[in-house]
Amino acid sequence: MLRMSKMTDYGIVLMTELARADGETRTTRELAARTRVPLPSASKVLKGLLAAGLVVSHRGASGGYGLSRPAPDISLAELVASLEGPVSLTECGQHTSGGAPCELESVCQVRSHWRLINQAIQEALGRLTLADLCAPAPRMPERLVQLGRGSNAVAPAAAAVSVSVPGVRS
C-alpha cells in the first residue's frame, strides 16, 4: 500500500487551516483545536514546516504561525516533500545517476518506467496547490484533469496519476 505518513497528513491539514486564515496568524493551540490534530503533533509538524520555509512564526501577544507565501504559490509537491522527503514509489526513482541502493539496478528492466511514473506523480502534485486543497472537494482543478490523458479524460482522479509508458499495455 502506498501511503504518506500521519504527520504529513497532519501537515497538509494544518497548512489548509492556515490558508483559510486569510493572512491572520494562528497559535499552535488554535490550529490544533480547529483541526483536531493532537497538540504535540501539531507543534512538531509546524516546527518542520517552519524549518522548510513554508510557514513563518511571529512572536508576541498576537503571535503564531502564518503562511510564508500565498496559498496558490505553495504546491502540494513542495509541501509533501518538506514533510516526507522526495516523493518516489521506488528507491531507484529517487536517484538519477550512481549511488542507487538497489542491487538489481544493472539488470532492472523497469527502472526507466518507474522514473516515468514517478515523474507523472511529481507533476500531478506540483500542479495541485494549497489553494486548491481549500476549495470544495468536488472541484478538480482543470490543470489536473488533463494530466497524462489528453482532452478526453474520463476519470479525473485516475487522470492525476496516469502515465503512458512505451512498451507497456494497460
N, C-alpha and C. Protein backbone atom coordinates (compact mmCIF):
# COMPACT_ATOMS: atom_id res chain seq x y z
N MET A 1 0.84 -1.17 0.00
CA MET A 1 0.00 0.00 0.00
C MET A 1 0.89 1.24 0.00
N LEU A 2 0.50 2.19 -0.78
CA LEU A 2 1.22 3.46 -0.84
C LEU A 2 0.48 4.44 0.05
N ARG A 3 1.20 4.99 1.00
CA ARG A 3 0.55 5.90 1.93
C ARG A 3 1.57 6.88 2.48
N MET A 4 1.17 8.15 2.59
CA MET A 4 2.04 9.11 3.25
C MET A 4 1.84 8.99 4.75
N SER A 5 2.77 9.51 5.50
CA SER A 5 2.72 9.38 6.95
C SER A 5 1.60 10.23 7.56
N LYS A 6 1.23 9.87 8.78
CA LYS A 6 0.21 10.62 9.50
C LYS A 6 0.67 12.06 9.73
N MET A 7 1.97 12.25 9.98
CA MET A 7 2.48 13.61 10.21
C MET A 7 2.37 14.46 8.94
N THR A 8 2.56 13.86 7.78
CA THR A 8 2.39 14.60 6.54
C THR A 8 0.92 14.95 6.34
N ASP A 9 0.05 14.02 6.63
CA ASP A 9 -1.38 14.29 6.56
C ASP A 9 -1.73 15.45 7.50
N TYR A 10 -1.22 15.41 8.72
CA TYR A 10 -1.45 16.50 9.67
C TYR A 10 -0.91 17.82 9.12
N GLY A 11 0.26 17.77 8.51
CA GLY A 11 0.86 18.98 7.95
C GLY A 11 -0.03 19.62 6.89
N ILE A 12 -0.61 18.80 6.04
CA ILE A 12 -1.49 19.30 4.99
C ILE A 12 -2.75 19.90 5.62
N VAL A 13 -3.29 19.24 6.63
CA VAL A 13 -4.48 19.76 7.32
C VAL A 13 -4.17 21.10 7.98
N LEU A 14 -3.02 21.19 8.66
CA LEU A 14 -2.64 22.43 9.33
C LEU A 14 -2.40 23.55 8.31
N MET A 15 -1.76 23.23 7.21
CA MET A 15 -1.49 24.24 6.18
C MET A 15 -2.79 24.74 5.55
N THR A 16 -3.75 23.86 5.32
CA THR A 16 -5.02 24.33 4.75
C THR A 16 -5.75 25.23 5.75
N GLU A 17 -5.62 24.93 7.02
CA GLU A 17 -6.23 25.81 8.04
C GLU A 17 -5.55 27.18 8.03
N LEU A 18 -4.24 27.20 7.89
CA LEU A 18 -3.53 28.48 7.80
C LEU A 18 -3.93 29.24 6.53
N ALA A 19 -4.13 28.52 5.45
CA ALA A 19 -4.56 29.16 4.20
C ALA A 19 -5.94 29.78 4.37
N ARG A 20 -6.81 29.11 5.08
CA ARG A 20 -8.17 29.64 5.32
C ARG A 20 -8.16 30.83 6.28
N ALA A 21 -7.08 31.00 7.03
CA ALA A 21 -6.98 32.11 7.99
C ALA A 21 -6.82 33.45 7.28
N ASP A 22 -6.59 33.42 5.98
CA ASP A 22 -6.54 34.62 5.15
C ASP A 22 -5.55 35.67 5.67
N GLY A 23 -4.32 35.22 5.96
CA GLY A 23 -3.27 36.14 6.37
C GLY A 23 -3.14 36.35 7.86
N GLU A 24 -4.11 35.92 8.63
CA GLU A 24 -4.02 36.05 10.09
C GLU A 24 -3.13 34.93 10.63
N THR A 25 -2.51 35.21 11.78
CA THR A 25 -1.70 34.18 12.41
C THR A 25 -2.58 33.31 13.30
N ARG A 26 -2.12 32.09 13.53
CA ARG A 26 -2.80 31.15 14.42
C ARG A 26 -1.75 30.53 15.32
N THR A 27 -2.07 30.41 16.60
CA THR A 27 -1.16 29.74 17.51
C THR A 27 -1.26 28.22 17.28
N THR A 28 -0.27 27.53 17.79
CA THR A 28 -0.28 26.06 17.69
C THR A 28 -1.53 25.51 18.36
N ARG A 29 -1.86 26.05 19.50
CA ARG A 29 -3.03 25.59 20.25
C ARG A 29 -4.32 25.84 19.44
N GLU A 30 -4.44 27.01 18.81
CA GLU A 30 -5.62 27.30 17.97
C GLU A 30 -5.71 26.34 16.79
N LEU A 31 -4.58 26.14 16.14
CA LEU A 31 -4.57 25.24 14.98
C LEU A 31 -4.94 23.82 15.39
N ALA A 32 -4.40 23.36 16.51
CA ALA A 32 -4.72 22.01 16.98
C ALA A 32 -6.21 21.90 17.31
N ALA A 33 -6.77 22.92 17.95
CA ALA A 33 -8.19 22.89 18.31
C ALA A 33 -9.08 22.93 17.06
N ARG A 34 -8.73 23.76 16.10
CA ARG A 34 -9.56 23.91 14.89
C ARG A 34 -9.51 22.66 14.00
N THR A 35 -8.37 22.00 13.98
CA THR A 35 -8.19 20.86 13.08
C THR A 35 -8.33 19.52 13.78
N ARG A 36 -8.28 19.55 15.11
CA ARG A 36 -8.29 18.34 15.95
C ARG A 36 -7.05 17.48 15.77
N VAL A 37 -5.99 18.11 15.31
CA VAL A 37 -4.68 17.45 15.28
C VAL A 37 -4.16 17.52 16.72
N PRO A 38 -3.67 16.40 17.27
CA PRO A 38 -3.15 16.44 18.64
C PRO A 38 -2.09 17.54 18.80
N LEU A 39 -2.15 18.27 19.90
CA LEU A 39 -1.26 19.41 20.12
C LEU A 39 0.23 19.06 19.97
N PRO A 40 0.73 17.95 20.55
CA PRO A 40 2.16 17.63 20.37
C PRO A 40 2.51 17.40 18.90
N SER A 41 1.62 16.77 18.17
CA SER A 41 1.86 16.52 16.74
C SER A 41 1.83 17.82 15.96
N ALA A 42 0.86 18.68 16.26
CA ALA A 42 0.78 19.98 15.58
C ALA A 42 2.05 20.78 15.81
N SER A 43 2.54 20.78 17.04
CA SER A 43 3.76 21.50 17.37
C SER A 43 4.95 20.97 16.57
N LYS A 44 5.09 19.65 16.52
CA LYS A 44 6.20 19.02 15.80
C LYS A 44 6.12 19.32 14.30
N VAL A 45 4.94 19.19 13.73
CA VAL A 45 4.78 19.42 12.29
C VAL A 45 5.03 20.88 11.95
N LEU A 46 4.52 21.79 12.75
CA LEU A 46 4.72 23.22 12.48
C LEU A 46 6.19 23.61 12.55
N LYS A 47 6.94 23.00 13.45
CA LYS A 47 8.38 23.25 13.51
C LYS A 47 9.07 22.78 12.23
N GLY A 48 8.63 21.63 11.72
CA GLY A 48 9.18 21.14 10.45
C GLY A 48 8.82 22.04 9.28
N LEU A 49 7.60 22.53 9.26
CA LEU A 49 7.16 23.44 8.19
C LEU A 49 7.89 24.77 8.28
N LEU A 50 8.19 25.20 9.50
CA LEU A 50 8.95 26.43 9.70
C LEU A 50 10.37 26.25 9.17
N ALA A 51 10.99 25.13 9.50
CA ALA A 51 12.34 24.83 9.02
C ALA A 51 12.39 24.74 7.50
N ALA A 52 11.30 24.26 6.89
CA ALA A 52 11.24 24.14 5.43
C ALA A 52 10.91 25.47 4.76
N GLY A 53 10.57 26.48 5.55
CA GLY A 53 10.27 27.79 4.98
C GLY A 53 8.85 27.93 4.44
N LEU A 54 7.96 27.02 4.80
CA LEU A 54 6.58 27.10 4.30
C LEU A 54 5.68 27.91 5.22
N VAL A 55 6.08 28.05 6.47
CA VAL A 55 5.35 28.91 7.39
C VAL A 55 6.34 29.87 8.03
N VAL A 56 5.80 30.95 8.57
CA VAL A 56 6.60 31.90 9.34
C VAL A 56 6.02 31.95 10.74
N SER A 57 6.86 32.29 11.68
CA SER A 57 6.45 32.36 13.07
C SER A 57 6.56 33.80 13.55
N HIS A 58 5.54 34.27 14.27
CA HIS A 58 5.53 35.61 14.82
C HIS A 58 5.43 35.49 16.33
N ARG A 59 6.26 36.23 17.03
CA ARG A 59 6.25 36.21 18.50
C ARG A 59 5.36 37.33 19.02
N GLY A 60 5.02 37.22 20.27
CA GLY A 60 4.27 38.29 20.92
C GLY A 60 2.82 37.92 21.17
N ALA A 61 2.09 38.92 21.68
CA ALA A 61 0.69 38.71 22.08
C ALA A 61 -0.18 38.27 20.91
N SER A 62 0.06 38.80 19.74
CA SER A 62 -0.74 38.38 18.57
C SER A 62 0.08 37.47 17.66
N GLY A 63 1.01 36.75 18.28
CA GLY A 63 1.89 35.88 17.51
C GLY A 63 1.23 34.57 17.12
N GLY A 64 2.00 33.78 16.44
CA GLY A 64 1.53 32.49 15.97
C GLY A 64 2.20 32.16 14.65
N TYR A 65 1.58 31.29 13.89
CA TYR A 65 2.10 30.88 12.60
C TYR A 65 1.24 31.43 11.48
N GLY A 66 1.89 31.65 10.35
CA GLY A 66 1.20 32.06 9.14
C GLY A 66 1.93 31.47 7.94
N LEU A 67 1.29 31.50 6.79
CA LEU A 67 1.93 31.00 5.57
C LEU A 67 3.06 31.94 5.17
N SER A 68 4.12 31.39 4.64
CA SER A 68 5.25 32.21 4.19
C SER A 68 4.98 32.83 2.82
N ARG A 69 4.07 32.23 2.07
CA ARG A 69 3.70 32.72 0.74
C ARG A 69 2.21 32.51 0.56
N PRO A 70 1.61 33.16 -0.43
CA PRO A 70 0.19 32.92 -0.69
C PRO A 70 -0.08 31.45 -1.03
N ALA A 71 -1.25 30.96 -0.64
CA ALA A 71 -1.62 29.55 -0.85
C ALA A 71 -1.49 29.09 -2.30
N PRO A 72 -1.84 29.94 -3.30
CA PRO A 72 -1.68 29.47 -4.69
C PRO A 72 -0.22 29.27 -5.10
N ASP A 73 0.72 29.78 -4.31
CA ASP A 73 2.14 29.66 -4.64
C ASP A 73 2.82 28.48 -3.94
N ILE A 74 2.06 27.71 -3.17
CA ILE A 74 2.63 26.56 -2.46
C ILE A 74 2.03 25.29 -3.07
N SER A 75 2.88 24.51 -3.73
CA SER A 75 2.40 23.29 -4.38
C SER A 75 2.33 22.15 -3.38
N LEU A 76 1.47 21.20 -3.68
CA LEU A 76 1.37 20.01 -2.84
C LEU A 76 2.68 19.22 -2.90
N ALA A 77 3.36 19.24 -4.03
CA ALA A 77 4.64 18.54 -4.16
C ALA A 77 5.65 19.11 -3.16
N GLU A 78 5.71 20.43 -3.08
CA GLU A 78 6.64 21.08 -2.15
C GLU A 78 6.26 20.77 -0.71
N LEU A 79 4.99 20.81 -0.42
CA LEU A 79 4.51 20.54 0.93
C LEU A 79 4.81 19.10 1.36
N VAL A 80 4.47 18.16 0.51
CA VAL A 80 4.72 16.74 0.83
C VAL A 80 6.21 16.48 0.94
N ALA A 81 7.01 17.01 0.02
CA ALA A 81 8.46 16.78 0.07
C ALA A 81 9.08 17.37 1.32
N SER A 82 8.54 18.49 1.81
CA SER A 82 9.11 19.10 3.02
C SER A 82 8.87 18.23 4.25
N LEU A 83 7.82 17.43 4.24
CA LEU A 83 7.49 16.59 5.39
C LEU A 83 7.89 15.12 5.20
N GLU A 84 7.86 14.63 3.97
CA GLU A 84 8.13 13.21 3.68
C GLU A 84 9.52 12.98 3.10
N GLY A 85 10.07 14.00 2.47
CA GLY A 85 11.27 13.80 1.67
C GLY A 85 10.83 13.62 0.23
N PRO A 86 11.75 13.30 -0.66
CA PRO A 86 11.40 13.18 -2.08
C PRO A 86 10.28 12.17 -2.32
N VAL A 87 9.32 12.54 -3.15
CA VAL A 87 8.20 11.65 -3.47
C VAL A 87 8.66 10.68 -4.55
N SER A 88 8.59 9.40 -4.23
CA SER A 88 9.01 8.37 -5.17
C SER A 88 8.39 7.05 -4.75
N LEU A 89 7.89 6.29 -5.72
CA LEU A 89 7.30 5.00 -5.42
C LEU A 89 8.34 3.92 -5.16
N THR A 90 9.52 4.10 -5.74
CA THR A 90 10.59 3.11 -5.57
C THR A 90 11.87 3.83 -5.19
N GLU A 91 12.80 3.11 -4.59
CA GLU A 91 14.09 3.69 -4.22
C GLU A 91 14.83 4.22 -5.45
N CYS A 92 14.79 3.47 -6.54
CA CYS A 92 15.55 3.91 -7.72
C CYS A 92 14.96 5.17 -8.34
N GLY A 93 13.71 5.46 -8.05
CA GLY A 93 13.09 6.67 -8.56
C GLY A 93 13.63 7.93 -7.94
N GLN A 94 14.35 7.80 -6.81
CA GLN A 94 14.92 8.97 -6.14
C GLN A 94 16.30 9.31 -6.66
N HIS A 95 16.92 8.40 -7.38
CA HIS A 95 18.30 8.60 -7.82
C HIS A 95 18.34 8.75 -9.33
N THR A 96 19.08 9.75 -9.77
CA THR A 96 19.16 9.97 -11.22
C THR A 96 20.42 9.35 -11.80
N SER A 97 21.48 9.24 -11.03
CA SER A 97 22.68 8.58 -11.53
C SER A 97 23.56 8.15 -10.37
N GLY A 98 24.11 6.97 -10.48
CA GLY A 98 25.03 6.46 -9.47
C GLY A 98 24.46 6.44 -8.06
N GLY A 99 25.05 5.68 -7.23
CA GLY A 99 24.70 5.65 -5.82
C GLY A 99 23.35 5.04 -5.50
N ALA A 100 22.67 4.46 -6.48
CA ALA A 100 21.36 3.86 -6.22
C ALA A 100 21.55 2.64 -5.32
N PRO A 101 20.72 2.51 -4.29
CA PRO A 101 20.91 1.42 -3.33
C PRO A 101 20.43 0.06 -3.81
N CYS A 102 19.80 -0.03 -4.95
CA CYS A 102 19.21 -1.29 -5.38
C CYS A 102 20.26 -2.19 -6.04
N GLU A 103 20.31 -3.43 -5.58
CA GLU A 103 21.27 -4.38 -6.15
C GLU A 103 20.85 -4.89 -7.53
N LEU A 104 19.61 -4.61 -7.93
CA LEU A 104 19.13 -5.05 -9.24
C LEU A 104 19.32 -3.99 -10.33
N GLU A 105 19.88 -2.87 -9.98
CA GLU A 105 19.98 -1.75 -10.92
C GLU A 105 20.58 -2.15 -12.27
N SER A 106 21.63 -2.92 -12.25
CA SER A 106 22.32 -3.24 -13.50
C SER A 106 21.51 -4.16 -14.42
N VAL A 107 20.52 -4.87 -13.89
CA VAL A 107 19.73 -5.78 -14.71
C VAL A 107 18.24 -5.42 -14.74
N CYS A 108 17.86 -4.34 -14.09
CA CYS A 108 16.44 -3.99 -13.96
C CYS A 108 15.84 -3.59 -15.31
N GLN A 109 14.74 -4.23 -15.66
CA GLN A 109 14.06 -3.97 -16.93
C GLN A 109 13.01 -2.86 -16.82
N VAL A 110 12.66 -2.45 -15.60
CA VAL A 110 11.57 -1.49 -15.43
C VAL A 110 11.99 -0.17 -14.79
N ARG A 111 13.26 0.00 -14.49
CA ARG A 111 13.70 1.21 -13.81
C ARG A 111 13.29 2.47 -14.57
N SER A 112 13.47 2.50 -15.87
CA SER A 112 13.11 3.71 -16.64
C SER A 112 11.61 3.94 -16.61
N HIS A 113 10.82 2.89 -16.53
CA HIS A 113 9.37 3.04 -16.45
C HIS A 113 8.98 3.65 -15.10
N TRP A 114 9.63 3.20 -14.02
CA TRP A 114 9.35 3.77 -12.72
C TRP A 114 9.67 5.26 -12.69
N ARG A 115 10.72 5.63 -13.38
CA ARG A 115 11.07 7.06 -13.44
C ARG A 115 9.95 7.85 -14.10
N LEU A 116 9.37 7.31 -15.18
CA LEU A 116 8.25 8.00 -15.85
C LEU A 116 7.03 8.09 -14.93
N ILE A 117 6.75 7.03 -14.21
CA ILE A 117 5.61 7.03 -13.29
C ILE A 117 5.85 8.03 -12.16
N ASN A 118 7.04 8.01 -11.59
CA ASN A 118 7.37 8.97 -10.53
C ASN A 118 7.28 10.40 -11.04
N GLN A 119 7.71 10.63 -12.25
CA GLN A 119 7.64 11.97 -12.84
C GLN A 119 6.18 12.41 -12.98
N ALA A 120 5.30 11.51 -13.40
CA ALA A 120 3.88 11.84 -13.55
C ALA A 120 3.26 12.20 -12.19
N ILE A 121 3.64 11.46 -11.16
CA ILE A 121 3.13 11.74 -9.82
C ILE A 121 3.65 13.10 -9.34
N GLN A 122 4.94 13.35 -9.56
CA GLN A 122 5.51 14.65 -9.20
C GLN A 122 4.79 15.79 -9.92
N GLU A 123 4.51 15.61 -11.20
CA GLU A 123 3.81 16.64 -11.97
C GLU A 123 2.42 16.88 -11.42
N ALA A 124 1.71 15.81 -11.09
CA ALA A 124 0.35 15.96 -10.55
C ALA A 124 0.39 16.71 -9.22
N LEU A 125 1.31 16.33 -8.33
CA LEU A 125 1.43 17.00 -7.04
C LEU A 125 1.90 18.45 -7.22
N GLY A 126 2.72 18.68 -8.22
CA GLY A 126 3.21 20.02 -8.49
C GLY A 126 2.15 20.95 -9.04
N ARG A 127 1.17 20.40 -9.72
CA ARG A 127 0.09 21.22 -10.29
C ARG A 127 -1.01 21.53 -9.27
N LEU A 128 -1.07 20.78 -8.21
CA LEU A 128 -2.08 20.99 -7.18
C LEU A 128 -1.49 21.91 -6.12
N THR A 129 -2.22 22.97 -5.77
CA THR A 129 -1.71 23.95 -4.80
C THR A 129 -2.48 23.87 -3.49
N LEU A 130 -1.93 24.54 -2.51
CA LEU A 130 -2.60 24.64 -1.21
C LEU A 130 -3.96 25.31 -1.37
N ALA A 131 -4.05 26.29 -2.26
CA ALA A 131 -5.33 26.96 -2.52
C ALA A 131 -6.35 25.97 -3.08
N ASP A 132 -5.91 25.05 -3.93
CA ASP A 132 -6.81 24.03 -4.48
C ASP A 132 -7.37 23.14 -3.37
N LEU A 133 -6.54 22.85 -2.37
CA LEU A 133 -6.99 21.99 -1.27
C LEU A 133 -8.00 22.70 -0.37
N CYS A 134 -8.05 24.00 -0.43
CA CYS A 134 -9.02 24.77 0.37
C CYS A 134 -10.36 24.89 -0.34
N ALA A 135 -10.40 24.57 -1.61
CA ALA A 135 -11.64 24.65 -2.39
C ALA A 135 -12.55 23.48 -2.03
N PRO A 136 -13.83 23.58 -2.33
CA PRO A 136 -14.74 22.45 -2.08
C PRO A 136 -14.23 21.18 -2.76
N ALA A 137 -14.41 20.06 -2.10
CA ALA A 137 -13.85 18.79 -2.53
C ALA A 137 -14.19 18.36 -3.96
N PRO A 138 -15.42 18.53 -4.46
CA PRO A 138 -15.72 18.03 -5.80
C PRO A 138 -14.95 18.73 -6.92
N ARG A 139 -14.44 19.90 -6.65
CA ARG A 139 -13.74 20.67 -7.68
C ARG A 139 -12.41 20.00 -8.02
N MET A 140 -12.25 19.65 -9.27
CA MET A 140 -10.99 19.10 -9.74
C MET A 140 -10.34 20.18 -10.60
N PRO A 141 -9.17 20.68 -10.18
CA PRO A 141 -8.53 21.74 -10.97
C PRO A 141 -8.35 21.32 -12.42
N GLU A 142 -8.70 22.21 -13.31
CA GLU A 142 -8.62 21.97 -14.75
C GLU A 142 -7.25 21.42 -15.16
N ARG A 143 -6.20 21.96 -14.56
CA ARG A 143 -4.86 21.54 -14.96
C ARG A 143 -4.55 20.10 -14.55
N LEU A 144 -5.32 19.52 -13.63
CA LEU A 144 -5.12 18.12 -13.26
C LEU A 144 -5.94 17.17 -14.11
N VAL A 145 -7.10 17.61 -14.53
CA VAL A 145 -7.98 16.76 -15.33
C VAL A 145 -7.26 16.31 -16.60
N GLN A 146 -6.46 17.16 -17.16
CA GLN A 146 -5.81 16.87 -18.43
C GLN A 146 -4.48 16.14 -18.29
N LEU A 147 -3.96 16.03 -17.10
CA LEU A 147 -2.64 15.44 -16.89
C LEU A 147 -2.57 14.01 -17.40
N GLY A 148 -1.73 13.77 -18.36
CA GLY A 148 -1.46 12.43 -18.84
C GLY A 148 -2.58 11.78 -19.63
N ARG A 149 -3.68 12.48 -19.90
CA ARG A 149 -4.83 11.87 -20.55
C ARG A 149 -5.22 12.53 -21.87
N GLY A 150 -4.72 13.69 -22.13
CA GLY A 150 -5.21 14.41 -23.30
C GLY A 150 -6.54 15.04 -22.99
N SER A 151 -7.28 15.44 -23.99
CA SER A 151 -8.53 16.18 -23.76
C SER A 151 -9.73 15.29 -23.51
N ASN A 152 -9.59 13.97 -23.64
CA ASN A 152 -10.74 13.08 -23.44
C ASN A 152 -10.66 12.36 -22.10
N ALA A 153 -10.32 13.10 -21.06
CA ALA A 153 -10.21 12.50 -19.73
C ALA A 153 -11.56 11.96 -19.27
N VAL A 154 -11.53 10.75 -18.74
CA VAL A 154 -12.76 10.12 -18.29
C VAL A 154 -12.89 10.19 -16.78
N ALA A 155 -11.84 9.79 -16.07
CA ALA A 155 -11.88 9.77 -14.61
C ALA A 155 -10.84 10.74 -14.07
N PRO A 156 -11.27 11.91 -13.57
CA PRO A 156 -10.32 12.91 -13.10
C PRO A 156 -9.34 12.38 -12.06
N ALA A 157 -9.78 11.59 -11.11
CA ALA A 157 -8.87 11.09 -10.08
C ALA A 157 -7.80 10.21 -10.69
N ALA A 158 -8.17 9.37 -11.63
CA ALA A 158 -7.19 8.50 -12.27
C ALA A 158 -6.28 9.30 -13.17
N ALA A 159 -6.80 10.35 -13.79
CA ALA A 159 -6.00 11.17 -14.70
C ALA A 159 -4.86 11.84 -13.97
N ALA A 160 -5.00 12.09 -12.70
CA ALA A 160 -3.97 12.78 -11.96
C ALA A 160 -2.68 11.98 -11.89
N VAL A 161 -2.76 10.64 -11.97
CA VAL A 161 -1.54 9.85 -11.87
C VAL A 161 -1.36 8.92 -13.06
N SER A 162 -2.12 9.08 -14.11
CA SER A 162 -1.96 8.18 -15.25
C SER A 162 -0.74 8.58 -16.06
N VAL A 163 -0.14 7.61 -16.68
CA VAL A 163 1.03 7.86 -17.49
C VAL A 163 1.07 6.81 -18.59
N SER A 164 1.49 7.20 -19.75
CA SER A 164 1.64 6.28 -20.85
C SER A 164 3.10 5.85 -20.91
N VAL A 165 3.34 4.56 -20.77
CA VAL A 165 4.69 4.03 -20.77
C VAL A 165 4.88 3.22 -22.04
N PRO A 166 5.81 3.65 -22.91
CA PRO A 166 6.05 2.92 -24.16
C PRO A 166 6.37 1.46 -23.88
N GLY A 167 5.74 0.56 -24.63
CA GLY A 167 6.00 -0.85 -24.50
C GLY A 167 5.22 -1.55 -23.39
N VAL A 168 4.42 -0.80 -22.65
CA VAL A 168 3.63 -1.40 -21.58
C VAL A 168 2.16 -1.19 -21.90
N ARG A 169 1.41 -2.29 -22.02
CA ARG A 169 -0.01 -2.17 -22.31
C ARG A 169 -0.79 -2.02 -21.01
N SER A 170 -1.86 -1.23 -21.07
CA SER A 170 -2.69 -1.07 -19.86
C SER A 170 -3.98 -1.81 -19.99
